[in-house]
């Protein structure tokens, strides 16, 4: 049975789109957590001046030669990185599917929110030029 949450967390939607009243849309609860994960994945390490360790190196990894060892390393690194920068989540699984011909990496992250039993899935594609 799914757990119903009141509004616990909110933040600006990472897509920076407007709501029906012309204000920037706000993501709440699970959507806010997914927005946070997206922000971590798409921010390159060193890009934030006051937090140079914040973010991931996925944008650069798109151009790597992938084998099982590299994918395992990147999966572990993403798990550690996301759990470090968003302490609301526990990462259950990270799957990476490279497509070097199209220069992107498909990412699937299964996570739980601390204190709740449900699992959520976040999927995205990271392009090399981002």
Protein backbone atom coordinates (compact mmCIF):
# COMPACT_ATOMS: atom_id res chain seq x y z
CA UNK A 1 0.00 0.00 0.00
CA UNK A 2 1.42 3.39 -0.99
CA UNK A 3 2.17 5.90 1.73
CA UNK A 4 0.40 9.24 1.33
CA UNK A 5 2.54 12.21 2.26
CA UNK A 6 1.41 15.69 3.14
CA UNK A 7 3.65 18.40 1.71
CA UNK A 8 6.93 17.73 3.47
CA UNK A 9 9.50 18.96 0.94
CA UNK A 10 9.19 21.44 -1.88
CA UNK A 11 11.57 23.14 -4.24
CA UNK A 12 11.55 24.72 -7.66
CA UNK A 13 10.95 22.23 -10.44
CA UNK A 14 14.30 21.59 -12.14
CA UNK A 15 12.78 22.32 -15.57
CA UNK A 16 11.99 25.91 -14.46
CA UNK A 17 8.54 25.87 -16.03
CA UNK A 18 5.60 28.08 -15.12
CA UNK A 19 2.44 26.98 -13.37
CA UNK A 20 -1.05 28.09 -14.46
CA UNK A 21 -0.62 31.45 -12.70
CA UNK A 22 2.71 32.28 -14.32
CA UNK A 23 4.84 31.47 -11.27
CA UNK A 24 7.72 29.03 -11.38
CA UNK A 25 6.34 25.56 -10.75
CA UNK A 26 7.16 23.97 -7.39
CA UNK A 27 7.90 20.27 -7.03
CA UNK A 28 6.65 18.63 -3.86
CA UNK A 29 7.62 15.51 -1.92
CA UNK A 30 8.78 12.72 -4.27
CA UNK A 31 8.93 15.14 -7.21
CA UNK A 32 11.14 17.44 -5.09
CA UNK A 33 13.46 14.53 -4.29
CA UNK A 34 13.62 13.59 -7.98
CA UNK A 35 14.37 17.21 -8.83
CA UNK A 36 17.21 17.14 -6.32
CA UNK A 37 18.60 13.92 -7.81
CA UNK A 38 18.40 15.46 -11.29
CA UNK A 39 20.25 18.54 -10.06
CA UNK A 40 23.02 16.37 -8.59
CA UNK A 41 23.38 14.32 -11.80
CA UNK A 42 23.44 17.31 -14.16
CA UNK A 43 25.81 19.48 -12.15
CA UNK A 44 29.45 18.83 -13.00
CA UNK A 45 31.89 18.61 -10.12
CA UNK A 46 33.64 21.95 -9.81
CA UNK A 47 30.74 23.87 -11.37
CA UNK A 48 29.47 25.27 -8.06
CA UNK A 49 32.05 27.68 -6.72
CA UNK A 50 31.31 27.29 -3.01
CA UNK A 51 30.70 23.51 -3.27
CA UNK A 52 33.28 22.21 -5.77
CA UNK A 53 32.64 18.56 -4.79
CA UNK A 54 28.90 18.84 -5.45
CA UNK A 55 27.61 17.03 -8.55
CA UNK A 56 28.71 14.15 -10.72
CA UNK A 57 31.02 13.43 -13.62
CA UNK A 58 28.37 11.73 -15.75
CA UNK A 59 28.55 14.31 -18.54
CA UNK A 60 32.21 13.42 -19.07
CA UNK A 61 31.60 9.69 -18.66
CA UNK A 62 29.38 9.61 -21.75
CA UNK A 63 32.50 9.55 -23.91
CA UNK A 64 34.24 6.72 -22.02
CA UNK A 65 34.64 3.17 -23.24
CA UNK A 66 32.22 1.19 -21.12
CA UNK A 67 32.76 -2.26 -19.73
CA UNK A 68 31.37 -3.96 -16.64
CA UNK A 69 34.05 -2.52 -14.38
CA UNK A 70 33.46 1.08 -15.46
CA UNK A 71 29.69 0.71 -15.14
CA UNK A 72 30.04 -0.79 -11.64
CA UNK A 73 32.35 2.04 -10.59
CA UNK A 74 30.01 4.73 -11.96
CA UNK A 75 26.98 3.08 -10.33
CA UNK A 76 28.70 2.95 -6.93
CA UNK A 77 29.95 6.51 -7.33
CA UNK A 78 26.44 7.77 -8.17
CA UNK A 79 24.94 5.96 -5.18
CA UNK A 80 27.51 7.53 -2.85
CA UNK A 81 27.20 10.97 -4.45
CA UNK A 82 23.41 11.13 -4.32
CA UNK A 83 23.23 9.86 -0.75
CA UNK A 84 25.91 12.38 0.26
CA UNK A 85 24.15 15.41 -1.20
CA UNK A 86 20.53 14.45 -0.52
CA UNK A 87 20.21 12.85 2.89
CA UNK A 88 16.49 12.14 2.37
CA UNK A 89 17.16 9.16 0.10
CA UNK A 90 18.52 5.64 0.27
CA UNK A 91 19.58 4.39 -3.15
CA UNK A 92 18.47 0.83 -3.80
CA UNK A 93 19.80 0.40 -7.35
CA UNK A 94 21.56 2.37 -10.08
CA UNK A 95 21.51 1.11 -13.67
CA UNK A 96 23.46 2.77 -16.47
CA UNK A 97 22.88 2.08 -20.15
CA UNK A 98 25.42 3.75 -22.43
CA UNK A 99 24.74 4.72 -26.04
CA UNK A 100 28.07 6.13 -27.26
CA UNK A 101 26.84 6.51 -30.85
CA UNK A 102 24.18 8.98 -29.71
CA UNK A 103 26.43 10.38 -26.97
CA UNK A 104 24.14 9.78 -24.05
CA UNK A 105 23.87 7.63 -20.98
CA UNK A 106 20.49 6.39 -19.77
CA UNK A 107 20.27 6.37 -15.98
CA UNK A 108 17.72 4.52 -13.86
CA UNK A 109 17.80 5.04 -10.11
CA UNK A 110 15.58 3.15 -7.68
CA UNK A 111 15.41 4.80 -4.28
CA UNK A 112 13.48 4.98 -1.04
CA UNK A 113 12.79 8.04 1.05
CA UNK A 114 14.04 7.62 4.61
CA UNK A 115 11.20 6.80 6.96
CA UNK A 116 8.95 5.45 4.18
CA UNK A 117 8.78 1.95 2.73
CA UNK A 118 7.89 2.70 -0.90
CA UNK A 119 10.45 2.47 -3.71
CA UNK A 120 10.52 5.11 -6.44
CA UNK A 121 12.13 5.07 -9.85
CA UNK A 122 13.88 8.03 -11.45
CA UNK A 123 14.92 7.77 -15.11
CA UNK A 124 16.78 10.24 -17.27
CA UNK A 125 19.33 10.57 -20.04
CA UNK A 126 22.57 12.45 -19.65
CA UNK A 127 23.96 13.83 -22.91
CA UNK A 128 27.64 14.45 -23.45
CA UNK A 129 27.23 18.12 -24.33
CA UNK A 130 25.22 19.02 -21.19
